[in-house]
């Protein structure tokens, strides 16, 4: 008798579509934001005096709260160490300066809550993203402040390139740091959310771009042939599309995503940070379905969809993989 497959709940749907008013989901989303603090601190060289934090879209607000709490905890430790270093000769002016250090949180941009661009059809998305955001001026010191903006996910990168980064750049920050509370979405889905075209995913585009830059296009051809062989195996199919990402670190993929989503006329330096899969599991321990990010599908059907999506991409077929 065949053993039943282990059921894995989808962590991406937990991040993006679940009801934020649920107690457990609220705490998990806050933890997702908090766990991003170390990477963000490195990106801004721990210069929180000159860093403004915000979020886009409204669905990222809870993760933003977690991020701010994490930064407040970090600053509490910094203040404590600075005060202890002063010993018995505490000067009131210096003490006041230390206590004045705070996390700078602002409402930078406003998005129509009814509109979600990554689930909009391909024809309408490009026109849509340019009209759904408004911006708050006077929140960033031009040329001095870093601007950190957390999103709940980065799927195609269309909204970032066509709308968000251009909009944020009008504030003239020194650096723009885009942070995703979800890991890099590398593979298509076949269980719920309609993301069946691997060529649409910005993390996949980044990997292909790096392969082309490093004269490793042979790997694309190799995986293409292996995908065709896997489809012949039926239930024994493996997700060989993983090989497209194996030559690169997560940081290399993130850096290339930043390059791909940065408009050519953008003045600020742009950095993109993604959640680590290990931290995702820490935040959502009971929802371990991470096939979007890891490629570890819970059923053979998922592996077949991934292989078919890659074949469609290489063949130039703009159609769903299931």
C-alpha atoms as a PDB file:
ATOM      1  CA  UNK A   1       0.000   0.000   0.000  1.00  0.00           C
ATOM      2  CA  UNK A   2       1.351   3.404  -0.970  1.00  0.00           C
ATOM      3  CA  UNK A   3       2.149   5.811   1.857  1.00  0.00           C
ATOM      4  CA  UNK A   4       0.179   9.088   1.655  1.00  0.00           C
ATOM      5  CA  UNK A   5       2.186  12.201   0.795  1.00  0.00           C
ATOM      6  CA  UNK A   6       2.988  14.578   3.611  1.00  0.00           C
ATOM      7  CA  UNK A   7       0.675  17.577   3.431  1.00  0.00           C
ATOM      8  CA  UNK A   8       2.445  20.930   3.354  1.00  0.00           C
ATOM      9  CA  UNK A   9       0.525  24.181   3.739  1.00  0.00           C
ATOM     10  CA  UNK A  10       1.593  26.961   1.381  1.00  0.00           C
ATOM     11  CA  UNK A  11       3.727  29.565   3.117  1.00  0.00           C
ATOM     12  CA  UNK A  12       3.372  32.102   0.294  1.00  0.00           C
ATOM     13  CA  UNK A  13      -0.394  32.181   0.562  1.00  0.00           C
ATOM     14  CA  UNK A  14       0.150  32.574   4.320  1.00  0.00           C
ATOM     15  CA  UNK A  15       2.231  35.684   3.672  1.00  0.00           C
ATOM     16  CA  UNK A  16       0.114  37.290   0.990  1.00  0.00           C
ATOM     17  CA  UNK A  17      -3.521  36.179   0.962  1.00  0.00           C
ATOM     18  CA  UNK A  18      -4.423  35.078   4.497  1.00  0.00           C
ATOM     19  CA  UNK A  19      -6.552  37.248   6.764  1.00  0.00           C
ATOM     20  CA  UNK A  20      -4.207  39.601   8.586  1.00  0.00           C
ATOM     21  CA  UNK A  21      -6.625  39.882  11.489  1.00  0.00           C
ATOM     22  CA  UNK A  22      -5.922  36.285  12.527  1.00  0.00           C
ATOM     23  CA  UNK A  23      -3.743  36.269  15.653  1.00  0.00           C
ATOM     24  CA  UNK A  24      -1.202  33.698  14.446  1.00  0.00           C
ATOM     25  CA  UNK A  25      -0.905  35.214  10.964  1.00  0.00           C
ATOM     26  CA  UNK A  26      -0.419  38.674  12.460  1.00  0.00           C
ATOM     27  CA  UNK A  27       2.433  37.413  14.637  1.00  0.00           C
ATOM     28  CA  UNK A  28       4.013  35.475  11.789  1.00  0.00           C
ATOM     29  CA  UNK A  29       4.010  38.497   9.489  1.00  0.00           C
ATOM     30  CA  UNK A  30       5.569  40.633  12.219  1.00  0.00           C
ATOM     31  CA  UNK A  31       8.266  38.020  12.688  1.00  0.00           C
ATOM     32  CA  UNK A  32       8.946  38.031   8.942  1.00  0.00           C
ATOM     33  CA  UNK A  33       9.687  41.748   9.194  1.00  0.00           C
ATOM     34  CA  UNK A  34      11.808  41.417  12.335  1.00  0.00           C
ATOM     35  CA  UNK A  35      13.985  38.692  10.825  1.00  0.00           C
ATOM     36  CA  UNK A  36      14.997  41.026   7.965  1.00  0.00           C
ATOM     37  CA  UNK A  37      16.683  43.501  10.335  1.00  0.00           C
ATOM     38  CA  UNK A  38      20.276  42.140  10.155  1.00  0.00           C
ATOM     39  CA  UNK A  39      20.409  42.241   6.349  1.00  0.00           C
ATOM     40  CA  UNK A  40      18.924  45.742   6.266  1.00  0.00           C
ATOM     41  CA  UNK A  41      21.364  47.040   8.880  1.00  0.00           C
ATOM     42  CA  UNK A  42      24.224  45.770   6.716  1.00  0.00           C
ATOM     43  CA  UNK A  43      22.720  47.417   3.617  1.00  0.00           C
ATOM     44  CA  UNK A  44      22.585  50.865   5.271  1.00  0.00           C
ATOM     45  CA  UNK A  45      25.875  50.447   7.168  1.00  0.00           C
ATOM     46  CA  UNK A  46      23.906  50.640  10.448  1.00  0.00           C
ATOM     47  CA  UNK A  47      23.312  54.350   9.799  1.00  0.00           C
ATOM     48  CA  UNK A  48      19.790  54.597  11.214  1.00  0.00           C
ATOM     49  CA  UNK A  49      20.090  58.347  11.813  1.00  0.00           C
ATOM     50  CA  UNK A  50      19.940  58.758   8.052  1.00  0.00           C
ATOM     51  CA  UNK A  51      17.533  55.949   7.133  1.00  0.00           C
ATOM     52  CA  UNK A  52      13.783  56.228   6.622  1.00  0.00           C
ATOM     53  CA  UNK A  53      11.588  53.103   6.752  1.00  0.00           C
ATOM     54  CA  UNK A  54       8.277  52.594   4.994  1.00  0.00           C
ATOM     55  CA  UNK A  55       6.202  49.922   3.237  1.00  0.00           C
ATOM     56  CA  UNK A  56       4.452  49.270  -0.081  1.00  0.00           C
ATOM     57  CA  UNK A  57       1.715  48.073  -0.513  1.00  0.00           C
ATOM     58  CA  UNK A  58      -0.736  48.123   2.405  1.00  0.00           C
ATOM     59  CA  UNK A  59      -0.546  44.323   2.742  1.00  0.00           C
ATOM     60  CA  UNK A  60       3.084  44.715   3.900  1.00  0.00           C
ATOM     61  CA  UNK A  61       2.091  46.897   6.850  1.00  0.00           C
ATOM     62  CA  UNK A  62       2.205  44.155   9.508  1.00  0.00           C
ATOM     63  CA  UNK A  63       5.667  42.976   8.415  1.00  0.00           C
ATOM     64  CA  UNK A  64       6.693  46.642   8.542  1.00  0.00           C
ATOM     65  CA  UNK A  65       5.573  46.822  12.189  1.00  0.00           C
ATOM     66  CA  UNK A  66       7.734  43.808  12.966  1.00  0.00           C
ATOM     67  CA  UNK A  67      10.677  45.390  11.156  1.00  0.00           C
ATOM     68  CA  UNK A  68      10.326  48.620  13.153  1.00  0.00           C
ATOM     69  CA  UNK A  69      10.140  46.710  16.445  1.00  0.00           C
ATOM     70  CA  UNK A  70      13.292  44.857  15.508  1.00  0.00           C
ATOM     71  CA  UNK A  71      15.083  48.100  14.688  1.00  0.00           C
ATOM     72  CA  UNK A  72      13.879  49.639  17.976  1.00  0.00           C
ATOM     73  CA  UNK A  73      15.352  46.680  19.859  1.00  0.00           C
ATOM     74  CA  UNK A  74      18.642  47.152  18.023  1.00  0.00           C
ATOM     75  CA  UNK A  75      18.697  50.871  18.879  1.00  0.00           C
ATOM     76  CA  UNK A  76      17.946  50.126  22.525  1.00  0.00           C
ATOM     77  CA  UNK A  77      21.114  48.048  22.663  1.00  0.00           C
ATOM     78  CA  UNK A  78      23.080  50.780  20.878  1.00  0.00           C
ATOM     79  CA  UNK A  79      21.860  53.409  23.341  1.00  0.00           C
ATOM     80  CA  UNK A  80      22.683  51.189  26.295  1.00  0.00           C
ATOM     81  CA  UNK A  81      26.238  50.637  25.096  1.00  0.00           C
ATOM     82  CA  UNK A  82      26.765  54.338  24.404  1.00  0.00           C
ATOM     83  CA  UNK A  83      25.518  55.302  27.874  1.00  0.00           C
ATOM     84  CA  UNK A  84      27.632  52.655  29.607  1.00  0.00           C
ATOM     85  CA  UNK A  85      30.681  53.860  27.688  1.00  0.00           C
ATOM     86  CA  UNK A  86      30.212  57.330  29.205  1.00  0.00           C
ATOM     87  CA  UNK A  87      30.863  55.919  32.687  1.00  0.00           C
ATOM     88  CA  UNK A  88      30.354  58.314  35.579  1.00  0.00           C
ATOM     89  CA  UNK A  89      30.903  61.416  33.457  1.00  0.00           C
ATOM     90  CA  UNK A  90      27.524  61.607  31.772  1.00  0.00           C
ATOM     91  CA  UNK A  91      26.971  64.951  30.080  1.00  0.00           C
ATOM     92  CA  UNK A  92      23.339  65.929  29.741  1.00  0.00           C
ATOM     93  CA  UNK A  93      23.717  67.170  26.184  1.00  0.00           C
ATOM     94  CA  UNK A  94      25.359  63.942  25.046  1.00  0.00           C
ATOM     95  CA  UNK A  95      22.792  61.862  26.900  1.00  0.00           C
ATOM     96  CA  UNK A  96      19.976  63.773  25.219  1.00  0.00           C
ATOM     97  CA  UNK A  97      21.609  63.203  21.849  1.00  0.00           C
ATOM     98  CA  UNK A  98      21.814  59.463  22.492  1.00  0.00           C
ATOM     99  CA  UNK A  99      18.213  59.186  23.678  1.00  0.00           C
ATOM    100  CA  UNK A 100      17.036  61.115  20.612  1.00  0.00           C
ATOM    101  CA  UNK A 101      18.138  58.290  18.296  1.00  0.00           C
ATOM    102  CA  UNK A 102      14.946  56.703  16.956  1.00  0.00           C
ATOM    103  CA  UNK A 103      13.805  54.554  14.100  1.00  0.00           C
ATOM    104  CA  UNK A 104      12.443  56.879  11.412  1.00  0.00           C
ATOM    105  CA  UNK A 105       9.177  55.412  10.130  1.00  0.00           C
ATOM    106  CA  UNK A 106       7.081  57.238   7.533  1.00  0.00           C
ATOM    107  CA  UNK A 107       4.117  56.631   5.247  1.00  0.00           C
ATOM    108  CA  UNK A 108       5.977  57.185   1.990  1.00  0.00           C
ATOM    109  CA  UNK A 109       3.528  55.877  -0.590  1.00  0.00           C
ATOM    110  CA  UNK A 110      -0.139  55.051  -0.789  1.00  0.00           C
ATOM    111  CA  UNK A 111      -1.569  52.334  -3.022  1.00  0.00           C
ATOM    112  CA  UNK A 112      -5.207  51.646  -3.833  1.00  0.00           C
ATOM    113  CA  UNK A 113      -5.899  48.681  -1.545  1.00  0.00           C
ATOM    114  CA  UNK A 114      -8.285  47.116  -4.074  1.00  0.00           C
ATOM    115  CA  UNK A 115      -5.610  46.692  -6.741  1.00  0.00           C
ATOM    116  CA  UNK A 116      -2.979  43.940  -6.683  1.00  0.00           C
ATOM    117  CA  UNK A 117      -0.692  44.135  -9.681  1.00  0.00           C
ATOM    118  CA  UNK A 118       0.902  40.694  -9.691  1.00  0.00           C
ATOM    119  CA  UNK A 119      -2.494  38.984 -10.133  1.00  0.00           C
ATOM    120  CA  UNK A 120      -3.597  41.409 -12.850  1.00  0.00           C
ATOM    121  CA  UNK A 121      -3.556  40.064 -16.407  1.00  0.00           C
ATOM    122  CA  UNK A 122      -0.444  40.740 -18.478  1.00  0.00           C
ATOM    123  CA  UNK A 123      -2.092  43.196 -20.888  1.00  0.00           C
ATOM    124  CA  UNK A 124      -3.442  45.528 -18.208  1.00  0.00           C
ATOM    125  CA  UNK A 125      -0.563  45.411 -15.709  1.00  0.00           C
ATOM    126  CA  UNK A 126       1.796  47.837 -17.463  1.00  0.00           C
ATOM    127  CA  UNK A 127      -0.894  50.504 -17.737  1.00  0.00           C
ATOM    128  CA  UNK A 128      -2.101  49.874 -14.208  1.00  0.00           C
ATOM    129  CA  UNK A 129       1.113  50.248 -12.220  1.00  0.00           C
ATOM    130  CA  UNK A 130       1.738  53.812 -13.345  1.00  0.00           C
ATOM    131  CA  UNK A 131      -1.517  55.124 -11.884  1.00  0.00           C
ATOM    132  CA  UNK A 132      -2.138  53.455  -8.517  1.00  0.00           C
ATOM    133  CA  UNK A 133       0.461  55.090  -6.250  1.00  0.00           C
ATOM    134  CA  UNK A 134       0.782  58.478  -4.625  1.00  0.00           C
ATOM    135  CA  UNK A 135       3.834  59.735  -2.723  1.00  0.00           C
ATOM    136  CA  UNK A 136       4.512  61.765   0.428  1.00  0.00           C
ATOM    137  CA  UNK A 137       7.084  64.527  -0.054  1.00  0.00           C
ATOM    138  CA  UNK A 138       9.218  66.058   2.708  1.00  0.00           C
ATOM    139  CA  UNK A 139       9.909  62.751   4.460  1.00  0.00           C
ATOM    140  CA  UNK A 140      13.423  62.170   3.102  1.00  0.00           C
ATOM    141  CA  UNK A 141      16.419  64.516   3.260  1.00  0.00           C
ATOM    142  CA  UNK A 142      17.594  64.630  -0.373  1.00  0.00           C
ATOM    143  CA  UNK A 143      21.029  63.191  -1.023  1.00  0.00           C
ATOM    144  CA  UNK A 144      21.496  62.266   2.648  1.00  0.00           C
ATOM    145  CA  UNK A 145      18.903  59.696   3.721  1.00  0.00           C
ATOM    146  CA  UNK A 146      18.594  56.049   2.779  1.00  0.00           C
ATOM    147  CA  UNK A 147      15.060  54.893   2.034  1.00  0.00           C
ATOM    148  CA  UNK A 148      14.083  51.347   3.045  1.00  0.00           C
ATOM    149  CA  UNK A 149      10.739  50.075   1.747  1.00  0.00           C
ATOM    150  CA  UNK A 150       9.366  46.633   2.644  1.00  0.00           C
ATOM    151  CA  UNK A 151       7.017  44.713   0.343  1.00  0.00           C
ATOM    152  CA  UNK A 152       5.361  41.378   1.070  1.00  0.00           C
ATOM    153  CA  UNK A 153       6.694  39.829  -2.155  1.00  0.00           C
ATOM    154  CA  UNK A 154       8.524  40.585  -5.384  1.00  0.00           C
ATOM    155  CA  UNK A 155       7.122  38.398  -8.143  1.00  0.00           C
ATOM    156  CA  UNK A 156       7.618  39.876 -11.619  1.00  0.00           C
ATOM    157  CA  UNK A 157       9.344  43.147 -10.748  1.00  0.00           C
ATOM    158  CA  UNK A 158       7.074  45.034 -13.168  1.00  0.00           C
ATOM    159  CA  UNK A 159       5.607  47.272 -10.492  1.00  0.00           C
ATOM    160  CA  UNK A 160       9.040  48.033  -9.071  1.00  0.00           C
ATOM    161  CA  UNK A 161      10.600  49.062 -12.372  1.00  0.00           C
ATOM    162  CA  UNK A 162       7.630  50.842 -13.941  1.00  0.00           C
ATOM    163  CA  UNK A 163       6.280  52.615 -10.893  1.00  0.00           C
ATOM    164  CA  UNK A 164       7.662  52.205  -7.387  1.00  0.00           C
ATOM    165  CA  UNK A 165      11.385  52.870  -7.852  1.00  0.00           C
ATOM    166  CA  UNK A 166      10.744  55.797 -10.206  1.00  0.00           C
ATOM    167  CA  UNK A 167       8.348  57.223  -7.635  1.00  0.00           C
ATOM    168  CA  UNK A 168      10.720  56.757  -4.697  1.00  0.00           C
ATOM    169  CA  UNK A 169      13.597  58.230  -6.671  1.00  0.00           C
ATOM    170  CA  UNK A 170      11.668  61.513  -6.930  1.00  0.00           C
ATOM    171  CA  UNK A 171      12.382  61.937  -3.207  1.00  0.00           C
ATOM    172  CA  UNK A 172      16.118  61.976  -4.087  1.00  0.00           C
ATOM    173  CA  UNK A 173      17.302  59.485  -1.442  1.00  0.00           C
ATOM    174  CA  UNK A 174      20.950  58.508  -1.354  1.00  0.00           C
ATOM    175  CA  UNK A 175      20.037  54.839  -1.519  1.00  0.00           C
ATOM    176  CA  UNK A 176      16.826  52.860  -2.067  1.00  0.00           C
ATOM    177  CA  UNK A 177      16.585  49.478  -0.359  1.00  0.00           C
ATOM    178  CA  UNK A 178      13.645  47.322  -1.480  1.00  0.00           C
ATOM    179  CA  UNK A 179      12.952  44.498   0.979  1.00  0.00           C
ATOM    180  CA  UNK A 180      10.753  41.449   0.340  1.00  0.00           C
ATOM    181  CA  UNK A 181       9.286  39.622   3.322  1.00  0.00           C
ATOM    182  CA  UNK A 182       9.022  36.575   1.030  1.00  0.00           C
ATOM    183  CA  UNK A 183      12.062  34.739  -0.399  1.00  0.00           C
ATOM    184  CA  UNK A 184      12.959  34.811  -4.089  1.00  0.00           C
ATOM    185  CA  UNK A 185      10.083  33.363  -6.118  1.00  0.00           C
ATOM    186  CA  UNK A 186      11.914  31.125  -8.571  1.00  0.00           C
ATOM    187  CA  UNK A 187       9.426  28.478  -9.698  1.00  0.00           C
ATOM    188  CA  UNK A 188       5.845  28.346 -11.001  1.00  0.00           C
ATOM    189  CA  UNK A 189       2.860  27.257  -8.945  1.00  0.00           C
ATOM    190  CA  UNK A 190       0.221  24.702  -9.849  1.00  0.00           C
ATOM    191  CA  UNK A 191      -1.784  24.412  -6.643  1.00  0.00           C
ATOM    192  CA  UNK A 192      -3.471  27.767  -6.152  1.00  0.00           C
ATOM    193  CA  UNK A 193      -2.017  31.148  -7.156  1.00  0.00           C
ATOM    194  CA  UNK A 194      -1.813  31.511 -10.943  1.00  0.00           C
ATOM    195  CA  UNK A 195       1.922  31.849 -11.593  1.00  0.00           C
ATOM    196  CA  UNK A 196       2.443  29.292 -14.332  1.00  0.00           C
ATOM    197  CA  UNK A 197       4.959  31.098 -16.580  1.00  0.00           C
ATOM    198  CA  UNK A 198       8.475  30.818 -15.212  1.00  0.00           C
ATOM    199  CA  UNK A 199       9.761  33.429 -17.639  1.00  0.00           C
ATOM    200  CA  UNK A 200       7.658  36.079 -15.873  1.00  0.00           C
ATOM    201  CA  UNK A 201       9.449  35.648 -12.533  1.00  0.00           C
ATOM    202  CA  UNK A 202      12.111  38.291 -11.864  1.00  0.00           C
ATOM    203  CA  UNK A 203      14.344  35.893  -9.878  1.00  0.00           C
ATOM    204  CA  UNK A 204      14.326  33.478 -12.832  1.00  0.00           C
ATOM    205  CA  UNK A 205      15.122  36.337 -15.219  1.00  0.00           C
ATOM    206  CA  UNK A 206      18.037  37.281 -12.951  1.00  0.00           C
ATOM    207  CA  UNK A 207      19.476  33.757 -13.109  1.00  0.00           C
ATOM    208  CA  UNK A 208      19.157  33.649 -16.915  1.00  0.00           C
ATOM    209  CA  UNK A 209      20.814  37.076 -17.148  1.00  0.00           C
ATOM    210  CA  UNK A 210      23.756  35.885 -15.044  1.00  0.00           C
ATOM    211  CA  UNK A 211      24.126  32.718 -17.132  1.00  0.00           C
ATOM    212  CA  UNK A 212      24.248  34.793 -20.318  1.00  0.00           C
ATOM    213  CA  UNK A 213      26.711  37.263 -18.819  1.00  0.00           C
ATOM    214  CA  UNK A 214      29.061  34.455 -17.770  1.00  0.00           C
ATOM    215  CA  UNK A 215      28.814  32.566 -21.082  1.00  0.00           C
ATOM    216  CA  UNK A 216      26.986  29.653 -19.449  1.00  0.00           C
ATOM    217  CA  UNK A 217      24.089  29.429 -21.921  1.00  0.00           C
ATOM    218  CA  UNK A 218      24.973  25.750 -22.396  1.00  0.00           C
ATOM    219  CA  UNK A 219      23.281  25.108 -19.051  1.00  0.00           C
ATOM    220  CA  UNK A 220      19.999  26.464 -20.438  1.00  0.00           C
ATOM    221  CA  UNK A 221      20.188  24.004 -23.342  1.00  0.00           C
ATOM    222  CA  UNK A 222      21.170  21.178 -21.002  1.00  0.00           C
ATOM    223  CA  UNK A 223      18.255  21.781 -18.648  1.00  0.00           C
ATOM    224  CA  UNK A 224      15.901  22.104 -21.625  1.00  0.00           C
ATOM    225  CA  UNK A 225      16.818  18.589 -22.808  1.00  0.00           C
ATOM    226  CA  UNK A 226      16.646  17.198 -19.283  1.00  0.00           C
ATOM    227  CA  UNK A 227      13.178  18.700 -18.794  1.00  0.00           C
ATOM    228  CA  UNK A 228      11.920  16.908 -21.894  1.00  0.00           C
ATOM    229  CA  UNK A 229      13.303  13.628 -20.531  1.00  0.00           C
ATOM    230  CA  UNK A 230      11.715  14.234 -17.120  1.00  0.00           C
ATOM    231  CA  UNK A 231       8.272  14.693 -18.668  1.00  0.00           C
ATOM    232  CA  UNK A 232       8.540  11.184 -20.079  1.00  0.00           C
ATOM    233  CA  UNK A 233       8.938   9.752 -16.554  1.00  0.00           C
ATOM    234  CA  UNK A 234       5.464  10.622 -15.304  1.00  0.00           C
ATOM    235  CA  UNK A 235       5.327  10.262 -11.525  1.00  0.00           C
ATOM    236  CA  UNK A 236       9.112   9.915 -11.319  1.00  0.00           C
ATOM    237  CA  UNK A 237       9.744  13.406 -12.700  1.00  0.00           C
ATOM    238  CA  UNK A 238      12.280  15.609 -10.885  1.00  0.00           C
ATOM    239  CA  UNK A 239      12.517  19.404 -10.880  1.00  0.00           C
ATOM    240  CA  UNK A 240      15.718  19.782 -12.888  1.00  0.00           C
ATOM    241  CA  UNK A 241      15.028  23.520 -13.335  1.00  0.00           C
ATOM    242  CA  UNK A 242      16.837  23.928 -10.008  1.00  0.00           C
ATOM    243  CA  UNK A 243      20.091  23.603 -11.954  1.00  0.00           C
ATOM    244  CA  UNK A 244      19.508  27.048 -13.462  1.00  0.00           C
ATOM    245  CA  UNK A 245      20.072  28.595 -10.019  1.00  0.00           C
ATOM    246  CA  UNK A 246      22.816  26.314  -8.677  1.00  0.00           C
ATOM    247  CA  UNK A 247      25.809  28.334  -9.998  1.00  0.00           C
ATOM    248  CA  UNK A 248      24.770  31.427  -8.024  1.00  0.00           C
ATOM    249  CA  UNK A 249      24.387  32.495  -4.427  1.00  0.00           C
ATOM    250  CA  UNK A 250      21.160  34.069  -3.183  1.00  0.00           C
ATOM    251  CA  UNK A 251      23.045  37.360  -2.901  1.00  0.00           C
ATOM    252  CA  UNK A 252      24.108  37.227  -6.555  1.00  0.00           C
ATOM    253  CA  UNK A 253      20.512  36.667  -7.641  1.00  0.00           C
ATOM    254  CA  UNK A 254      19.311  39.545  -5.443  1.00  0.00           C
ATOM    255  CA  UNK A 255      21.963  41.887  -6.839  1.00  0.00           C
ATOM    256  CA  UNK A 256      20.946  41.041 -10.398  1.00  0.00           C
ATOM    257  CA  UNK A 257      17.263  41.525  -9.560  1.00  0.00           C
ATOM    258  CA  UNK A 258      18.184  45.003  -8.288  1.00  0.00           C
ATOM    259  CA  UNK A 259      19.884  45.737 -11.601  1.00  0.00           C
ATOM    260  CA  UNK A 260      16.938  44.475 -13.636  1.00  0.00           C
ATOM    261  CA  UNK A 261      14.313  46.505 -11.752  1.00  0.00           C
ATOM    262  CA  UNK A 262      16.299  49.758 -11.667  1.00  0.00           C
ATOM    263  CA  UNK A 263      15.104  52.207 -14.356  1.00  0.00           C
ATOM    264  CA  UNK A 264      17.934  53.635 -16.494  1.00  0.00           C
ATOM    265  CA  UNK A 265      17.190  57.174 -15.331  1.00  0.00           C
ATOM    266  CA  UNK A 266      17.212  56.316 -11.600  1.00  0.00           C
ATOM    267  CA  UNK A 267      19.623  58.526  -9.641  1.00  0.00           C
ATOM    268  CA  UNK A 268      19.728  56.581  -6.360  1.00  0.00           C
ATOM    269  CA  UNK A 269      21.635  53.358  -5.779  1.00  0.00           C
ATOM    270  CA  UNK A 270      19.152  50.468  -5.563  1.00  0.00           C
ATOM    271  CA  UNK A 271      19.557  47.359  -3.412  1.00  0.00           C
ATOM    272  CA  UNK A 272      17.096  44.461  -3.159  1.00  0.00           C
ATOM    273  CA  UNK A 273      16.901  42.172  -0.111  1.00  0.00           C
ATOM    274  CA  UNK A 274      14.867  38.966   0.048  1.00  0.00           C
ATOM    275  CA  UNK A 275      13.825  36.915   3.057  1.00  0.00           C
ATOM    276  CA  UNK A 276      15.868  33.759   3.632  1.00  0.00           C
ATOM    277  CA  UNK A 277      13.959  30.496   3.274  1.00  0.00           C
ATOM    278  CA  UNK A 278      15.307  29.394   6.667  1.00  0.00           C
ATOM    279  CA  UNK A 279      13.915  32.558   8.268  1.00  0.00           C
ATOM    280  CA  UNK A 280      10.594  31.981   6.511  1.00  0.00           C
ATOM    281  CA  UNK A 281      10.370  28.601   8.238  1.00  0.00           C
ATOM    282  CA  UNK A 282      11.305  30.219  11.543  1.00  0.00           C
ATOM    283  CA  UNK A 283       8.457  32.723  11.181  1.00  0.00           C
ATOM    284  CA  UNK A 284       5.901  30.225   9.833  1.00  0.00           C
ATOM    285  CA  UNK A 285       6.876  26.868  11.381  1.00  0.00           C
ATOM    286  CA  UNK A 286       3.525  25.227  10.660  1.00  0.00           C
ATOM    287  CA  UNK A 287       3.406  26.232   6.989  1.00  0.00           C
ATOM    288  CA  UNK A 288       6.447  24.706   5.344  1.00  0.00           C
ATOM    289  CA  UNK A 289       5.259  24.606   1.729  1.00  0.00           C
ATOM    290  CA  UNK A 290       8.047  26.559   0.023  1.00  0.00           C
ATOM    291  CA  UNK A 291       8.002  25.193  -3.549  1.00  0.00           C
ATOM    292  CA  UNK A 292       7.737  28.703  -5.033  1.00  0.00           C
ATOM    293  CA  UNK A 293      11.119  29.471  -3.495  1.00  0.00           C
ATOM    294  CA  UNK A 294      12.963  26.147  -3.169  1.00  0.00           C
ATOM    295  CA  UNK A 295      11.495  24.141  -6.038  1.00  0.00           C
ATOM    296  CA  UNK A 296      10.702  21.315  -3.616  1.00  0.00           C
ATOM    297  CA  UNK A 297       7.215  20.437  -4.817  1.00  0.00           C
ATOM    298  CA  UNK A 298       5.124  18.155  -2.590  1.00  0.00           C
ATOM    299  CA  UNK A 299       3.789  16.167  -5.575  1.00  0.00           C
ATOM    300  CA  UNK A 300       5.263  14.870  -8.849  1.00  0.00           C
ATOM    301  CA  UNK A 301       2.749  17.073 -10.664  1.00  0.00           C
ATOM    302  CA  UNK A 302       4.580  20.137  -9.393  1.00  0.00           C
ATOM    303  CA  UNK A 303       7.877  18.901 -10.808  1.00  0.00           C
ATOM    304  CA  UNK A 304       6.216  18.290 -14.186  1.00  0.00           C
ATOM    305  CA  UNK A 305       4.737  21.795 -14.207  1.00  0.00           C
ATOM    306  CA  UNK A 306       8.159  23.296 -13.492  1.00  0.00           C
ATOM    307  CA  UNK A 307       9.774  21.311 -16.304  1.00  0.00           C
ATOM    308  CA  UNK A 308       6.969  22.135 -18.726  1.00  0.00           C
ATOM    309  CA  UNK A 309       7.154  25.834 -17.808  1.00  0.00           C
ATOM    310  CA  UNK A 310      10.878  25.847 -18.601  1.00  0.00           C
ATOM    311  CA  UNK A 311      10.301  24.109 -21.934  1.00  0.00           C
ATOM    312  CA  UNK A 312       7.670  26.703 -22.799  1.00  0.00           C
ATOM    313  CA  UNK A 313      10.098  29.497 -21.876  1.00  0.00           C
ATOM    314  CA  UNK A 314      12.951  28.200 -24.020  1.00  0.00           C
ATOM    315  CA  UNK A 315      10.552  27.416 -26.877  1.00  0.00           C
ATOM    316  CA  UNK A 316       9.104  30.918 -26.780  1.00  0.00           C
ATOM    317  CA  UNK A 317       5.619  29.680 -25.943  1.00  0.00           C
ATOM    318  CA  UNK A 318       3.673  32.273 -23.973  1.00  0.00           C
ATOM    319  CA  UNK A 319       1.265  29.834 -22.381  1.00  0.00           C
ATOM    320  CA  UNK A 320       0.490  28.262 -19.032  1.00  0.00           C
ATOM    321  CA  UNK A 321       2.391  25.154 -17.963  1.00  0.00           C
ATOM    322  CA  UNK A 322      -0.793  23.425 -16.760  1.00  0.00           C
END
